[in-house]
Structure formats: structure tokens, C-alpha cells
Amino acid sequence: EVLDMVKEQHRRGADICKVVTGAENDLELSENFRTSARLA
């Protein structure tokens, strides 16, 4: 879902895309790190 949002922001003409989500536990944190690696 984060990747889809970023791609849509880019499609609209963003020079930089920004998404802010949440991380309330270690599982969500580890998933966010994976997402960050993909975005990189």
C-alpha cells in the first residue's frame, strides 16, 4: 500500500514523495524497514 501511494504521488508530478504511517510494535517496525529498503 505504501508503494502504491508513493507511485501515485510520483505520477501526479511530485519531485519528492512522502508517506507517514505508524509502528506500534516490532512487527510493524520490521515491515516499515522492509518498505524503506524497497523505496530506496
Full PDB file with SEQRES, HELIX, SHEET, SSBOND, CRYST1, ORIGX, SCALE, CONECT and MASTER records, all heavy atoms in Angstrom:
SEQRES   1 A   40  GLU VAL LEU ASP MET VAL LYS GLU GLN HIS ARG ARG GLY          
SEQRES   2 A   40  ALA ASP ILE CYS LYS VAL VAL THR GLY ALA GLU ASN ASP          
SEQRES   3 A   40  LEU GLU LEU SER GLU ASN PHE ARG THR SER ALA ARG LEU          
SEQRES   4 A   40  ALA                                                          
HELIX    1 AA1 VAL A    2  ARG A   11  1                                  10    
HELIX    2 AA2 ASP A   26  LEU A   39  1                                  14    
CRYST1    1.000    1.000    1.000  90.00  90.00  90.00 P 1           1          
ORIGX1      1.000000  0.000000  0.000000        0.00000                         
ORIGX2      0.000000  1.000000  0.000000        0.00000                         
ORIGX3      0.000000  0.000000  1.000000        0.00000                         
SCALE1      1.000000  0.000000  0.000000        0.00000                         
SCALE2      0.000000  1.000000  0.000000        0.00000                         
SCALE3      0.000000  0.000000  1.000000        0.00000                         
ATOM      1  N   GLU A   1       0.827  -1.208   0.000  1.00  0.00           N  
ATOM      2  CA  GLU A   1       0.000   0.000   0.000  1.00  0.00           C  
ATOM      3  C   GLU A   1       0.859   1.254   0.000  1.00  0.00           C  
ATOM      4  O   GLU A   1       0.540   2.245  -0.671  1.00  0.00           O  
ATOM      5  CB  GLU A   1      -0.947  -0.011   1.200  1.00  0.00           C  
ATOM      6  CG  GLU A   1      -2.041  -1.058   1.109  1.00  0.00           C  
ATOM      7  CD  GLU A   1      -3.067  -0.926   2.218  1.00  0.00           C  
ATOM      8  OE1 GLU A   1      -3.441   0.218   2.547  1.00  0.00           O  
ATOM      9  OE2 GLU A   1      -3.486  -1.966   2.764  1.00  0.00           O  
ATOM     10  N   VAL A   2       1.953   1.244   0.752  1.00  0.00           N  
ATOM     11  CA  VAL A   2       2.841   2.407   0.768  1.00  0.00           C  
ATOM     12  C   VAL A   2       3.448   2.623  -0.618  1.00  0.00           C  
ATOM     13  O   VAL A   2       3.489   3.749  -1.127  1.00  0.00           O  
ATOM     14  CB  VAL A   2       3.954   2.230   1.816  1.00  0.00           C  
ATOM     15  CG1 VAL A   2       4.950   3.391   1.739  1.00  0.00           C  
ATOM     16  CG2 VAL A   2       3.356   2.142   3.216  1.00  0.00           C  
ATOM     17  N   LEU A   3       3.901   1.543  -1.242  1.00  0.00           N  
ATOM     18  CA  LEU A   3       4.486   1.662  -2.579  1.00  0.00           C  
ATOM     19  C   LEU A   3       3.463   2.191  -3.578  1.00  0.00           C  
ATOM     20  O   LEU A   3       3.798   3.035  -4.428  1.00  0.00           O  
ATOM     21  CB  LEU A   3       5.026   0.311  -3.035  1.00  0.00           C  
ATOM     22  CG  LEU A   3       6.296  -0.178  -2.339  1.00  0.00           C  
ATOM     23  CD1 LEU A   3       6.596  -1.619  -2.718  1.00  0.00           C  
ATOM     24  CD2 LEU A   3       7.473   0.715  -2.686  1.00  0.00           C  
ATOM     25  N   ASP A   4       2.233   1.727  -3.485  1.00  0.00           N  
ATOM     26  CA  ASP A   4       1.188   2.227  -4.394  1.00  0.00           C  
ATOM     27  C   ASP A   4       0.962   3.718  -4.189  1.00  0.00           C  
ATOM     28  O   ASP A   4       0.782   4.468  -5.161  1.00  0.00           O  
ATOM     29  CB  ASP A   4      -0.113   1.463  -4.166  1.00  0.00           C  
ATOM     30  CG  ASP A   4      -0.090   0.052  -4.754  1.00  0.00           C  
ATOM     31  OD1 ASP A   4       0.815  -0.239  -5.556  1.00  0.00           O  
ATOM     32  OD2 ASP A   4      -0.980  -0.746  -4.382  1.00  0.00           O  
ATOM     33  N   MET A   5       0.960   4.172  -2.935  1.00  0.00           N  
ATOM     34  CA  MET A   5       0.751   5.588  -2.659  1.00  0.00           C  
ATOM     35  C   MET A   5       1.898   6.424  -3.207  1.00  0.00           C  
ATOM     36  O   MET A   5       1.686   7.475  -3.828  1.00  0.00           O  
ATOM     37  CB  MET A   5       0.589   5.812  -1.151  1.00  0.00           C  
ATOM     38  CG  MET A   5      -0.668   5.204  -0.560  1.00  0.00           C  
ATOM     39  SD  MET A   5      -0.812   5.446   1.230  1.00  0.00           S  
ATOM     40  CE  MET A   5      -1.214   7.191   1.290  1.00  0.00           C  
ATOM     41  N   VAL A   6       3.104   5.965  -2.989  1.00  0.00           N  
ATOM     42  CA  VAL A   6       4.278   6.699  -3.475  1.00  0.00           C  
ATOM     43  C   VAL A   6       4.257   6.788  -4.997  1.00  0.00           C  
ATOM     44  O   VAL A   6       4.529   7.850  -5.583  1.00  0.00           O  
ATOM     45  CB  VAL A   6       5.575   6.030  -2.969  1.00  0.00           C  
ATOM     46  CG1 VAL A   6       6.785   6.521  -3.742  1.00  0.00           C  
ATOM     47  CG2 VAL A   6       5.741   6.287  -1.476  1.00  0.00           C  
ATOM     48  N   LYS A   7       3.934   5.688  -5.654  1.00  0.00           N  
ATOM     49  CA  LYS A   7       3.891   5.692  -7.118  1.00  0.00           C  
ATOM     50  C   LYS A   7       2.815   6.643  -7.638  1.00  0.00           C  
ATOM     51  O   LYS A   7       3.003   7.321  -8.658  1.00  0.00           O  
ATOM     52  CB  LYS A   7       3.666   4.277  -7.632  1.00  0.00           C  
ATOM     53  CG  LYS A   7       4.875   3.366  -7.424  1.00  0.00           C  
ATOM     54  CD  LYS A   7       4.579   1.925  -7.837  1.00  0.00           C  
ATOM     55  CE  LYS A   7       5.796   1.035  -7.591  1.00  0.00           C  
ATOM     56  NZ  LYS A   7       5.522  -0.386  -7.916  1.00  0.00           N  
ATOM     57  N   GLU A   8       1.684   6.714  -6.949  1.00  0.00           N  
ATOM     58  CA  GLU A   8       0.633   7.635  -7.358  1.00  0.00           C  
ATOM     59  C   GLU A   8       1.061   9.084  -7.144  1.00  0.00           C  
ATOM     60  O   GLU A   8       0.795   9.958  -7.980  1.00  0.00           O  
ATOM     61  CB  GLU A   8      -0.657   7.339  -6.593  1.00  0.00           C  
ATOM     62  CG  GLU A   8      -1.789   8.330  -6.836  1.00  0.00           C  
ATOM     63  CD  GLU A   8      -2.222   8.434  -8.287  1.00  0.00           C  
ATOM     64  OE1 GLU A   8      -1.939   7.519  -9.081  1.00  0.00           O  
ATOM     65  OE2 GLU A   8      -2.839   9.461  -8.633  1.00  0.00           O  
ATOM     66  N   GLN A   9       1.731   9.372  -6.033  1.00  0.00           N  
ATOM     67  CA  GLN A   9       2.244  10.729  -5.818  1.00  0.00           C  
ATOM     68  C   GLN A   9       3.217  11.114  -6.928  1.00  0.00           C  
ATOM     69  O   GLN A   9       3.173  12.238  -7.452  1.00  0.00           O  
ATOM     70  CB  GLN A   9       2.938  10.808  -4.453  1.00  0.00           C  
ATOM     71  CG  GLN A   9       2.006  10.693  -3.266  1.00  0.00           C  
ATOM     72  CD  GLN A   9       2.774  10.591  -1.963  1.00  0.00           C  
ATOM     73  OE1 GLN A   9       3.961  10.315  -1.941  1.00  0.00           O  
ATOM     74  NE2 GLN A   9       2.077  10.790  -0.850  1.00  0.00           N  
ATOM     75  N   HIS A  10       4.089  10.186  -7.287  1.00  0.00           N  
ATOM     76  CA  HIS A  10       5.051  10.459  -8.358  1.00  0.00           C  
ATOM     77  C   HIS A  10       4.325  10.685  -9.685  1.00  0.00           C  
ATOM     78  O   HIS A  10       4.698  11.589 -10.457  1.00  0.00           O  
ATOM     79  CB  HIS A  10       6.027   9.289  -8.474  1.00  0.00           C  
ATOM     80  CG  HIS A  10       7.068   9.466  -9.523  1.00  0.00           C  
ATOM     81  ND1 HIS A  10       8.060  10.421  -9.451  1.00  0.00           N  
ATOM     82  CD2 HIS A  10       7.288   8.806 -10.701  1.00  0.00           C  
ATOM     83  CE1 HIS A  10       8.844  10.335 -10.510  1.00  0.00           C  
ATOM     84  NE2 HIS A  10       8.384   9.386 -11.293  1.00  0.00           N  
ATOM     85  N   ARG A  11       3.306   9.893  -9.956  1.00  0.00           N  
ATOM     86  CA  ARG A  11       2.549  10.045 -11.202  1.00  0.00           C  
ATOM     87  C   ARG A  11       1.919  11.429 -11.302  1.00  0.00           C  
ATOM     88  O   ARG A  11       1.820  12.002 -12.396  1.00  0.00           O  
ATOM     89  CB  ARG A  11       1.466   8.962 -11.277  1.00  0.00           C  
ATOM     90  CG  ARG A  11       0.730   8.907 -12.611  1.00  0.00           C  
ATOM     91  CD  ARG A  11      -0.551   8.098 -12.522  1.00  0.00           C  
ATOM     92  NE  ARG A  11      -1.543   8.741 -11.666  1.00  0.00           N  
ATOM     93  CZ  ARG A  11      -2.295   9.761 -12.056  1.00  0.00           C  
ATOM     94  NH1 ARG A  11      -2.166  10.281 -13.261  1.00  0.00           N  
ATOM     95  NH2 ARG A  11      -3.183  10.286 -11.228  1.00  0.00           N  
ATOM     96  N   ARG A  12       1.522  11.987 -10.168  1.00  0.00           N  
ATOM     97  CA  ARG A  12       0.889  13.308 -10.174  1.00  0.00           C  
ATOM     98  C   ARG A  12       1.884  14.442 -10.372  1.00  0.00           C  
ATOM     99  O   ARG A  12       1.474  15.593 -10.534  1.00  0.00           O  
ATOM    100  CB  ARG A  12       0.112  13.519  -8.871  1.00  0.00           C  
ATOM    101  CG  ARG A  12      -1.085  12.611  -8.749  1.00  0.00           C  
ATOM    102  CD  ARG A  12      -1.938  12.908  -7.537  1.00  0.00           C  
ATOM    103  NE  ARG A  12      -2.901  11.828  -7.336  1.00  0.00           N  
ATOM    104  CZ  ARG A  12      -3.809  11.796  -6.369  1.00  0.00           C  
ATOM    105  NH1 ARG A  12      -3.871  12.791  -5.487  1.00  0.00           N  
ATOM    106  NH2 ARG A  12      -4.639  10.774  -6.261  1.00  0.00           N  
ATOM    107  N   GLY A  13       3.180  14.143 -10.323  1.00  0.00           N  
ATOM    108  CA  GLY A  13       4.171  15.170 -10.582  1.00  0.00           C  
ATOM    109  C   GLY A  13       5.052  15.537  -9.419  1.00  0.00           C  
ATOM    110  O   GLY A  13       5.799  16.523  -9.500  1.00  0.00           O  
ATOM    111  N   ALA A  14       5.000  14.765  -8.326  1.00  0.00           N  
ATOM    112  CA  ALA A  14       5.837  15.079  -7.171  1.00  0.00           C  
ATOM    113  C   ALA A  14       7.309  14.875  -7.504  1.00  0.00           C  
ATOM    114  O   ALA A  14       7.696  13.863  -8.090  1.00  0.00           O  
ATOM    115  CB  ALA A  14       5.457  14.194  -5.991  1.00  0.00           C  
ATOM    116  N   ASP A  15       8.143  15.836  -7.105  1.00  0.00           N  
ATOM    117  CA  ASP A  15       9.590  15.674  -7.215  1.00  0.00           C  
ATOM    118  C   ASP A  15      10.104  14.791  -6.085  1.00  0.00           C  
ATOM    119  O   ASP A  15      11.086  14.069  -6.252  1.00  0.00           O  
ATOM    120  CB  ASP A  15      10.267  17.044  -7.161  1.00  0.00           C  
ATOM    121  CG  ASP A  15       9.807  17.955  -8.286  1.00  0.00           C  
ATOM    122  OD1 ASP A  15      10.194  17.709  -9.437  1.00  0.00           O  
ATOM    123  OD2 ASP A  15       9.034  18.891  -8.005  1.00  0.00           O  
ATOM    124  N   ILE A  16       9.451  14.869  -4.932  1.00  0.00           N  
ATOM    125  CA  ILE A  16       9.734  14.014  -3.783  1.00  0.00           C  
ATOM    126  C   ILE A  16       8.396  13.527  -3.245  1.00  0.00           C  
ATOM    127  O   ILE A  16       7.449  14.317  -3.119  1.00  0.00           O  
ATOM    128  CB  ILE A  16      10.508  14.770  -2.682  1.00  0.00           C  
ATOM    129  CG1 ILE A  16      11.855  15.287  -3.220  1.00  0.00           C  
ATOM    130  CG2 ILE A  16      10.744  13.867  -1.470  1.00  0.00           C  
ATOM    131  CD1 ILE A  16      12.621  16.142  -2.229  1.00  0.00           C  
ATOM    132  N   CYS A  17       8.306  12.237  -2.933  1.00  0.00           N  
ATOM    133  CA  CYS A  17       7.084  11.656  -2.389  1.00  0.00           C  
ATOM    134  C   CYS A  17       7.252  11.452  -0.888  1.00  0.00           C  
ATOM    135  O   CYS A  17       8.344  11.143  -0.420  1.00  0.00           O  
ATOM    136  CB  CYS A  17       6.785  10.324  -3.066  1.00  0.00           C  
ATOM    137  SG  CYS A  17       6.765  10.410  -4.881  1.00  0.00           S  
ATOM    138  N   LYS A  18       6.151  11.590  -0.146  1.00  0.00           N  
ATOM    139  CA  LYS A  18       6.232  11.444   1.307  1.00  0.00           C  
ATOM    140  C   LYS A  18       4.990  10.725   1.837  1.00  0.00           C  
ATOM    141  O   LYS A  18       3.865  11.137   1.561  1.00  0.00           O  
ATOM    142  CB  LYS A  18       6.359  12.814   1.984  1.00  0.00           C  
ATOM    143  CG  LYS A  18       6.337  12.771   3.511  1.00  0.00           C  
ATOM    144  CD  LYS A  18       6.376  14.184   4.075  1.00  0.00           C  
ATOM    145  CE  LYS A  18       6.194  14.207   5.586  1.00  0.00           C  
ATOM    146  NZ  LYS A  18       6.119  15.592   6.117  1.00  0.00           N  
ATOM    147  N   VAL A  19       5.233   9.656   2.599  1.00  0.00           N  
ATOM    148  CA  VAL A  19       4.152   8.936   3.263  1.00  0.00           C  
ATOM    149  C   VAL A  19       4.540   8.753   4.727  1.00  0.00           C  
ATOM    150  O   VAL A  19       5.672   8.364   5.036  1.00  0.00           O  
ATOM    151  CB  VAL A  19       3.891   7.563   2.611  1.00  0.00           C  
ATOM    152  CG1 VAL A  19       2.847   6.780   3.399  1.00  0.00           C  
ATOM    153  CG2 VAL A  19       3.427   7.736   1.164  1.00  0.00           C  
ATOM    154  N   VAL A  20       3.596   9.037   5.619  1.00  0.00           N  
ATOM    155  CA  VAL A  20       3.812   8.862   7.057  1.00  0.00           C  
ATOM    156  C   VAL A  20       2.788   7.856   7.567  1.00  0.00           C  
ATOM    157  O   VAL A  20       1.581   8.070   7.445  1.00  0.00           O  
ATOM    158  CB  VAL A  20       3.666  10.191   7.822  1.00  0.00           C  
ATOM    159  CG1 VAL A  20       3.987   9.983   9.301  1.00  0.00           C  
ATOM    160  CG2 VAL A  20       4.567  11.260   7.223  1.00  0.00           C  
ATOM    161  N   THR A  21       3.273   6.735   8.134  1.00  0.00           N  
ATOM    162  CA  THR A  21       2.372   5.704   8.640  1.00  0.00           C  
ATOM    163  C   THR A  21       2.568   5.555  10.148  1.00  0.00           C  
ATOM    164  O   THR A  21       2.800   6.526  10.851  1.00  0.00           O  
ATOM    165  CB  THR A  21       2.611   4.369   7.906  1.00  0.00           C  
ATOM    166  OG1 THR A  21       3.942   3.904   8.190  1.00  0.00           O  
ATOM    167  CG2 THR A  21       2.433   4.523   6.416  1.00  0.00           C  
ATOM    168  N   GLY A  22       2.481   4.332  10.657  1.00  0.00           N  
ATOM    169  CA  GLY A  22       2.641   4.096  12.088  1.00  0.00           C  
ATOM    170  C   GLY A  22       3.415   2.819  12.355  1.00  0.00           C  
ATOM    171  O   GLY A  22       3.560   1.967  11.478  1.00  0.00           O  
ATOM    172  N   ALA A  23       3.935   2.704  13.572  1.00  0.00           N  
ATOM    173  CA  ALA A  23       4.619   1.489  14.011  1.00  0.00           C  
ATOM    174  C   ALA A  23       4.445   1.380  15.519  1.00  0.00           C  
ATOM    175  O   ALA A  23       5.133   2.047  16.277  1.00  0.00           O  
ATOM    176  CB  ALA A  23       6.105   1.527  13.640  1.00  0.00           C  
ATOM    177  N   GLU A  24       3.528   0.538  15.933  1.00  0.00           N  
ATOM    178  CA  GLU A  24       3.222   0.397  17.356  1.00  0.00           C  
ATOM    179  C   GLU A  24       3.881  -0.823  17.996  1.00  0.00           C  
ATOM    180  O   GLU A  24       3.848  -0.968  19.213  1.00  0.00           O  
ATOM    181  CB  GLU A  24       1.703   0.312  17.559  1.00  0.00           C  
ATOM    182  CG  GLU A  24       0.944   1.562  17.124  1.00  0.00           C  
ATOM    183  CD  GLU A  24       1.283   2.786  17.962  1.00  0.00           C  
ATOM    184  OE1 GLU A  24       1.884   2.630  19.047  1.00  0.00           O  
ATOM    185  OE2 GLU A  24       0.941   3.898  17.533  1.00  0.00           O  
ATOM    186  N   ASN A  25       4.472  -1.707  17.180  1.00  0.00           N  
ATOM    187  CA  ASN A  25       5.108  -2.909  17.722  1.00  0.00           C  
ATOM    188  C   ASN A  25       6.271  -3.317  16.824  1.00  0.00           C  
ATOM    189  O   ASN A  25       6.482  -2.725  15.760  1.00  0.00           O  
ATOM    190  CB  ASN A  25       4.090  -4.042  17.861  1.00  0.00           C  
ATOM    191  CG  ASN A  25       3.343  -4.321  16.568  1.00  0.00           C  
ATOM    192  OD1 ASN A  25       3.964  -4.603  15.544  1.00  0.00           O  
ATOM    193  ND2 ASN A  25       2.021  -4.253  16.606  1.00  0.00           N  
ATOM    194  N   ASP A  26       7.004  -4.336  17.242  1.00  0.00           N  
ATOM    195  CA  ASP A  26       8.194  -4.747  16.498  1.00  0.00           C  
ATOM    196  C   ASP A  26       7.855  -5.296  15.116  1.00  0.00           C  
ATOM    197  O   ASP A  26       8.633  -5.115  14.171  1.00  0.00           O  
ATOM    198  CB  ASP A  26       8.971  -5.802  17.283  1.00  0.00           C  
ATOM    199  CG  ASP A  26       9.685  -5.220  18.498  1.00  0.00           C  
ATOM    200  OD1 ASP A  26       9.827  -3.978  18.550  1.00  0.00           O  
ATOM    201  OD2 ASP A  26      10.094  -5.987  19.389  1.00  0.00           O  
ATOM    202  N   LEU A  27       6.731  -5.957  14.982  1.00  0.00           N  
ATOM    203  CA  LEU A  27       6.345  -6.494  13.673  1.00  0.00           C  
ATOM    204  C   LEU A  27       6.111  -5.365  12.674  1.00  0.00           C  
ATOM    205  O   LEU A  27       6.587  -5.416  11.534  1.00  0.00           O  
ATOM    206  CB  LEU A  27       5.095  -7.359  13.813  1.00  0.00           C  
ATOM    207  CG  LEU A  27       4.599  -8.033  12.527  1.00  0.00           C  
ATOM    208  CD1 LEU A  27       5.661  -8.967  11.978  1.00  0.00           C  
ATOM    209  CD2 LEU A  27       3.294  -8.782  12.791  1.00  0.00           C  
ATOM    210  N   GLU A  28       5.388  -4.330  13.101  1.00  0.00           N  
ATOM    211  CA  GLU A  28       5.144  -3.200  12.214  1.00  0.00           C  
ATOM    212  C   GLU A  28       6.442  -2.456  11.921  1.00  0.00           C  
ATOM    213  O   GLU A  28       6.662  -1.987  10.790  1.00  0.00           O  
ATOM    214  CB  GLU A  28       4.111  -2.267  12.845  1.00  0.00           C  
ATOM    215  CG  GLU A  28       2.725  -2.889  12.916  1.00  0.00           C  
ATOM    216  CD  GLU A  28       1.702  -1.994  13.581  1.00  0.00           C  
ATOM    217  OE1 GLU A  28       2.097  -0.954  14.163  1.00  0.00           O  
ATOM    218  OE2 GLU A  28       0.506  -2.331  13.529  1.00  0.00           O  
ATOM    219  N   LEU A  29       7.313  -2.355  12.916  1.00  0.00           N  
ATOM    220  CA  LEU A  29       8.602  -1.695  12.702  1.00  0.00           C  
ATOM    221  C   LEU A  29       9.429  -2.431  11.658  1.00  0.00           C  
ATOM    222  O   LEU A  29       9.994  -1.817  10.742  1.00  0.00           O  
ATOM    223  CB  LEU A  29       9.374  -1.608  14.019  1.00  0.00           C  
ATOM    224  CG  LEU A  29      10.799  -1.041  13.927  1.00  0.00           C  
ATOM    225  CD1 LEU A  29      10.782   0.400  13.448  1.00  0.00           C  
ATOM    226  CD2 LEU A  29      11.498  -1.155  15.280  1.00  0.00           C  
ATOM    227  N   SER A  30       9.517  -3.758  11.771  1.00  0.00           N  
ATOM    228  CA  SER A  30      10.308  -4.525  10.811  1.00  0.00           C  
ATOM    229  C   SER A  30       9.733  -4.420   9.405  1.00  0.00           C  
ATOM    230  O   SER A  30      10.475  -4.327   8.418  1.00  0.00           O  
ATOM    231  CB  SER A  30      10.400  -5.997  11.246  1.00  0.00           C  
ATOM    232  OG  SER A  30       9.121  -6.606  11.268  1.00  0.00           O  
ATOM    233  N   GLU A  31       8.405  -4.395   9.301  1.00  0.00           N  
ATOM    234  CA  GLU A  31       7.770  -4.214   7.992  1.00  0.00           C  
ATOM    235  C   GLU A  31       8.102  -2.840   7.423  1.00  0.00           C  
ATOM    236  O   GLU A  31       8.358  -2.697   6.213  1.00  0.00           O  
ATOM    237  CB  GLU A  31       6.255  -4.385   8.116  1.00  0.00           C  
ATOM    238  CG  GLU A  31       5.475  -4.131   6.831  1.00  0.00           C  
ATOM    239  CD  GLU A  31       5.546  -5.285   5.844  1.00  0.00           C  
ATOM    240  OE1 GLU A  31       6.173  -6.317   6.166  1.00  0.00           O  
ATOM    241  OE2 GLU A  31       4.990  -5.144   4.739  1.00  0.00           O  
ATOM    242  N   ASN A  32       8.127  -1.830   8.271  1.00  0.00           N  
ATOM    243  CA  ASN A  32       8.468  -0.492   7.796  1.00  0.00           C  
ATOM    244  C   ASN A  32       9.908  -0.417   7.303  1.00  0.00           C  
ATOM    245  O   ASN A  32      10.213   0.291   6.341  1.00  0.00           O  
ATOM    246  CB  ASN A  32       8.235   0.543   8.898  1.00  0.00           C  
ATOM    247  CG  ASN A  32       6.774   0.881   9.077  1.00  0.00           C  
ATOM    248  OD1 ASN A  32       5.931   0.489   8.266  1.00  0.00           O  
ATOM    249  ND2 ASN A  32       6.442   1.590  10.138  1.00  0.00           N  
ATOM    250  N   PHE A  33      10.809  -1.143   7.956  1.00  0.00           N  
ATOM    251  CA  PHE A  33      12.181  -1.184   7.466  1.00  0.00           C  
ATOM    252  C   PHE A  33      12.242  -1.837   6.088  1.00  0.00           C  
ATOM    253  O   PHE A  33      12.991  -1.396   5.208  1.00  0.00           O  
ATOM    254  CB  PHE A  33      13.091  -1.909   8.451  1.00  0.00           C  
ATOM    255  CG  PHE A  33      13.582  -1.045   9.582  1.00  0.00           C  
ATOM    256  CD1 PHE A  33      13.434  -1.453  10.905  1.00  0.00           C  
ATOM    257  CD2 PHE A  33      14.208   0.158   9.340  1.00  0.00           C  
ATOM    258  CE1 PHE A  33      13.890  -0.662  11.950  1.00  0.00           C  
ATOM    259  CE2 PHE A  33      14.662   0.965  10.376  1.00  0.00           C  
ATOM    260  CZ  PHE A  33      14.508   0.552  11.677  1.00  0.00           C  
ATOM    261  N   ARG A  34      11.478  -2.903   5.885  1.00  0.00           N  
ATOM    262  CA  ARG A  34      11.445  -3.539   4.562  1.00  0.00           C  
ATOM    263  C   ARG A  34      10.897  -2.576   3.518  1.00  0.00           C  
ATOM    264  O   ARG A  34      11.400  -2.493   2.391  1.00  0.00           O  
ATOM    265  CB  ARG A  34      10.599  -4.818   4.611  1.00  0.00           C  
ATOM    266  CG  ARG A  34      11.303  -6.004   5.262  1.00  0.00           C  
ATOM    267  CD  ARG A  34      10.550  -7.296   4.987  1.00  0.00           C  
ATOM    268  NE  ARG A  34       9.269  -7.316   5.673  1.00  0.00           N  
ATOM    269  CZ  ARG A  34       9.093  -7.771   6.905  1.00  0.00           C  
ATOM    270  NH1 ARG A  34      10.118  -8.234   7.606  1.00  0.00           N  
ATOM    271  NH2 ARG A  34       7.903  -7.766   7.468  1.00  0.00           N  
ATOM    272  N   THR A  35       9.859  -1.845   3.903  1.00  0.00           N  
ATOM    273  CA  THR A  35       9.293  -0.858   2.979  1.00  0.00           C  
ATOM    274  C   THR A  35      10.325   0.202   2.630  1.00  0.00           C  
ATOM    275  O   THR A  35      10.470   0.599   1.464  1.00  0.00           O  
ATOM    276  CB  THR A  35       8.050  -0.213   3.599  1.00  0.00           C  
ATOM    277  OG1 THR A  35       7.077  -1.218   3.888  1.00  0.00           O  
ATOM    278  CG2 THR A  35       7.449   0.816   2.661  1.00  0.00           C  
ATOM    279  N   SER A  36      11.055   0.680   3.624  1.00  0.00           N  
ATOM    280  CA  SER A  36      12.085   1.690   3.376  1.00  0.00           C  
ATOM    281  C   SER A  36      13.150   1.177   2.421  1.00  0.00           C  
ATOM    282  O   SER A  36      13.635   1.908   1.539  1.00  0.00           O  
ATOM    283  CB  SER A  36      12.737   2.126   4.696  1.00  0.00           C  
ATOM    284  OG  SER A  36      11.816   2.814   5.511  1.00  0.00           O  
ATOM    285  N   ALA A  37      13.535  -0.093   2.585  1.00  0.00           N  
ATOM    286  CA  ALA A  37      14.534  -0.686   1.695  1.00  0.00           C  
ATOM    287  C   ALA A  37      14.021  -0.749   0.260  1.00  0.00           C  
ATOM    288  O   ALA A  37      14.771  -0.487  -0.693  1.00  0.00           O  
ATOM    289  CB  ALA A  37      14.919  -2.078   2.189  1.00  0.00           C  
ATOM    290  N   ARG A  38      12.753  -1.087   0.089  1.00  0.00           N  
ATOM    291  CA  ARG A  38      12.169  -1.109  -1.259  1.00  0.00           C  
ATOM    292  C   ARG A  38      12.124   0.286  -1.864  1.00  0.00           C  
ATOM    293  O   ARG A  38      12.434   0.484  -3.046  1.00  0.00           O  
ATOM    294  CB  ARG A  38      10.758  -1.700  -1.211  1.00  0.00           C  
ATOM    295  CG  ARG A  38      10.711  -3.198  -1.012  1.00  0.00           C  
ATOM    296  CD  ARG A  38      11.194  -3.950  -2.257  1.00  0.00           C  
ATOM    297  NE  ARG A  38      10.480  -3.541  -3.454  1.00  0.00           N  
ATOM    298  CZ  ARG A  38       9.289  -3.991  -3.819  1.00  0.00           C  
ATOM    299  NH1 ARG A  38       8.652  -4.872  -3.053  1.00  0.00           N  
ATOM    300  NH2 ARG A  38       8.724  -3.566  -4.938  1.00  0.00           N  
ATOM    301  N   LEU A  39      11.739   1.266  -1.068  1.00  0.00           N  
ATOM    302  CA  LEU A  39      11.660   2.629  -1.564  1.00  0.00           C  
ATOM    303  C   LEU A  39      13.036   3.162  -1.958  1.00  0.00           C  
ATOM    304  O   LEU A  39      13.157   3.972  -2.880  1.00  0.00           O  
ATOM    305  CB  LEU A  39      11.025   3.538  -0.506  1.00  0.00           C  
ATOM    306  CG  LEU A  39       9.540   3.282  -0.217  1.00  0.00           C  
ATOM    307  CD1 LEU A  39       9.089   4.109   0.976  1.00  0.00           C  
ATOM    308  CD2 LEU A  39       8.687   3.614  -1.435  1.00  0.00           C  
ATOM    309  N   ALA A  40      14.075   2.708  -1.265  1.00  0.00           N  
ATOM    310  CA  ALA A  40      15.437   3.146  -1.577  1.00  0.00           C  
ATOM    311  C   ALA A  40      15.875   2.684  -2.957  1.00  0.00           C  
ATOM    312  O   ALA A  40      16.832   3.231  -3.527  1.00  0.00           O  
ATOM    313  CB  ALA A  40      16.416   2.639  -0.523  1.00  0.00           C  
TER     314      ALA A  40                                                      
MASTER        0    0    0    2    0    0    0    6  313    1    0    4          
END                                                                             
